[in-house]
Amino acid sequence: MKSLNIRTLSDIEYTEKADGSGTISIGPKNVLSAWGNGMNWWPGVKVNPSLDYIPEVRKVYNKIIELQREK
């Protein structure tokens, strides 16, 4: 488990399933992840932090963005 400062997170994206659940990915995409149908299993390839299996992922994503904009 690792804590990240919500105000300094960059490159935040989310993927949403039909039921509204999904994953929030944090950090720049690894080119190997996009190439070859997800190469995260490959030895030495770093995996970016993500929040998985989130119900109502869009609400959580929007809340993160809202908190980042607060001063």
C-alpha atoms as a PDB file:
ATOM      1  CA  MET A   1       0.000   0.000   0.000  1.00  0.00           C
ATOM      2  CA  LYS A   2       1.358   3.412  -0.900  1.00  0.00           C
ATOM      3  CA  SER A   3      -0.018   6.905  -0.299  1.00  0.00           C
ATOM      4  CA  LEU A   4       0.184   9.569  -2.980  1.00  0.00           C
ATOM      5  CA  ASN A   5      -0.355  13.317  -2.637  1.00  0.00           C
ATOM      6  CA  ILE A   6      -3.642  13.944  -4.431  1.00  0.00           C
ATOM      7  CA  ARG A   7      -2.626  17.497  -5.396  1.00  0.00           C
ATOM      8  CA  THR A   8       0.510  16.383  -7.232  1.00  0.00           C
ATOM      9  CA  LEU A   9      -0.917  13.432  -9.176  1.00  0.00           C
ATOM     10  CA  SER A  10      -0.488  13.761 -12.925  1.00  0.00           C
ATOM     11  CA  ASP A  11      -1.816  12.015 -15.996  1.00  0.00           C
ATOM     12  CA  ILE A  12      -4.965  10.721 -14.315  1.00  0.00           C
ATOM     13  CA  GLU A  13      -7.273   8.661 -16.521  1.00  0.00           C
ATOM     14  CA  TYR A  14     -10.160   6.333 -15.902  1.00  0.00           C
ATOM     15  CA  THR A  15     -11.785   3.444 -17.701  1.00  0.00           C
ATOM     16  CA  GLU A  16     -15.436   2.742 -17.072  1.00  0.00           C
ATOM     17  CA  LYS A  17     -17.439  -0.432 -17.583  1.00  0.00           C
ATOM     18  CA  ALA A  18     -21.105  -0.540 -18.522  1.00  0.00           C
ATOM     19  CA  ASP A  19     -22.088  -0.932 -14.839  1.00  0.00           C
ATOM     20  CA  GLY A  20     -20.257   2.305 -13.895  1.00  0.00           C
ATOM     21  CA  SER A  21     -17.359   0.591 -12.141  1.00  0.00           C
ATOM     22  CA  GLY A  22     -13.807   0.922 -13.347  1.00  0.00           C
ATOM     23  CA  THR A  23     -10.161   1.752 -12.821  1.00  0.00           C
ATOM     24  CA  ILE A  24      -8.320   5.040 -12.299  1.00  0.00           C
ATOM     25  CA  SER A  25      -4.760   5.031 -13.672  1.00  0.00           C
ATOM     26  CA  ILE A  26      -2.171   7.471 -12.348  1.00  0.00           C
ATOM     27  CA  GLY A  27       0.988   8.604 -14.099  1.00  0.00           C
ATOM     28  CA  PRO A  28       2.271   8.575 -17.658  1.00  0.00           C
ATOM     29  CA  LYS A  29       1.432   5.531 -19.734  1.00  0.00           C
ATOM     30  CA  ASN A  30       4.139   3.008 -20.355  1.00  0.00           C
ATOM     31  CA  VAL A  31       4.507   2.482 -24.114  1.00  0.00           C
ATOM     32  CA  LEU A  32       4.917  -1.248 -23.565  1.00  0.00           C
ATOM     33  CA  SER A  33       1.534  -1.371 -21.824  1.00  0.00           C
ATOM     34  CA  ALA A  34      -0.223  -0.077 -24.903  1.00  0.00           C
ATOM     35  CA  TRP A  35       1.892  -2.160 -27.278  1.00  0.00           C
ATOM     36  CA  GLY A  36       1.368  -5.869 -27.265  1.00  0.00           C
ATOM     37  CA  ASN A  37      -1.974  -5.903 -25.474  1.00  0.00           C
ATOM     38  CA  GLY A  38      -0.581  -4.931 -22.068  1.00  0.00           C
ATOM     39  CA  MET A  39       2.989  -5.928 -21.342  1.00  0.00           C
ATOM     40  CA  ASN A  40       2.799  -5.199 -17.601  1.00  0.00           C
ATOM     41  CA  TRP A  41       3.729  -8.796 -16.892  1.00  0.00           C
ATOM     42  CA  TRP A  42       7.059  -8.437 -18.722  1.00  0.00           C
ATOM     43  CA  PRO A  43      10.058  -8.531 -16.321  1.00  0.00           C
ATOM     44  CA  GLY A  44      11.452  -5.065 -15.632  1.00  0.00           C
ATOM     45  CA  VAL A  45       8.388  -3.190 -16.897  1.00  0.00           C
ATOM     46  CA  LYS A  46       7.171  -0.768 -14.237  1.00  0.00           C
ATOM     47  CA  VAL A  47       3.453  -0.648 -13.588  1.00  0.00           C
ATOM     48  CA  ASN A  48       1.884   2.713 -12.785  1.00  0.00           C
ATOM     49  CA  PRO A  49      -0.278   3.021  -9.687  1.00  0.00           C
ATOM     50  CA  SER A  50      -3.970   2.416 -10.214  1.00  0.00           C
ATOM     51  CA  LEU A  51      -7.175   2.210  -8.226  1.00  0.00           C
ATOM     52  CA  ASP A  52      -9.081  -0.864  -9.360  1.00  0.00           C
ATOM     53  CA  TYR A  53     -12.654  -2.115  -9.030  1.00  0.00           C
ATOM     54  CA  ILE A  54     -14.125   1.265  -8.074  1.00  0.00           C
ATOM     55  CA  PRO A  55     -17.926   1.487  -8.097  1.00  0.00           C
ATOM     56  CA  GLU A  56     -19.065   4.753  -9.721  1.00  0.00           C
ATOM     57  CA  VAL A  57     -15.557   5.411 -11.008  1.00  0.00           C
ATOM     58  CA  ARG A  58     -16.553   8.633 -12.790  1.00  0.00           C
ATOM     59  CA  LYS A  59     -17.675  10.216  -9.490  1.00  0.00           C
ATOM     60  CA  VAL A  60     -14.386   9.279  -7.822  1.00  0.00           C
ATOM     61  CA  TYR A  61     -12.377  10.595 -10.793  1.00  0.00           C
ATOM     62  CA  ASN A  62     -14.318  13.888 -10.763  1.00  0.00           C
ATOM     63  CA  LYS A  63     -13.748  14.223  -6.998  1.00  0.00           C
ATOM     64  CA  ILE A  64      -9.995  13.775  -7.449  1.00  0.00           C
ATOM     65  CA  ILE A  65      -9.948  16.480 -10.126  1.00  0.00           C
ATOM     66  CA  GLU A  66     -12.063  18.757  -7.926  1.00  0.00           C
ATOM     67  CA  LEU A  67      -9.687  18.310  -4.979  1.00  0.00           C
ATOM     68  CA  GLN A  68      -6.687  19.043  -7.197  1.00  0.00           C
ATOM     69  CA  ARG A  69      -8.220  22.358  -8.282  1.00  0.00           C
ATOM     70  CA  GLU A  70      -8.831  23.525  -4.698  1.00  0.00           C
ATOM     71  CA  LYS A  71      -6.234  25.845  -3.303  1.00  0.00           C
END
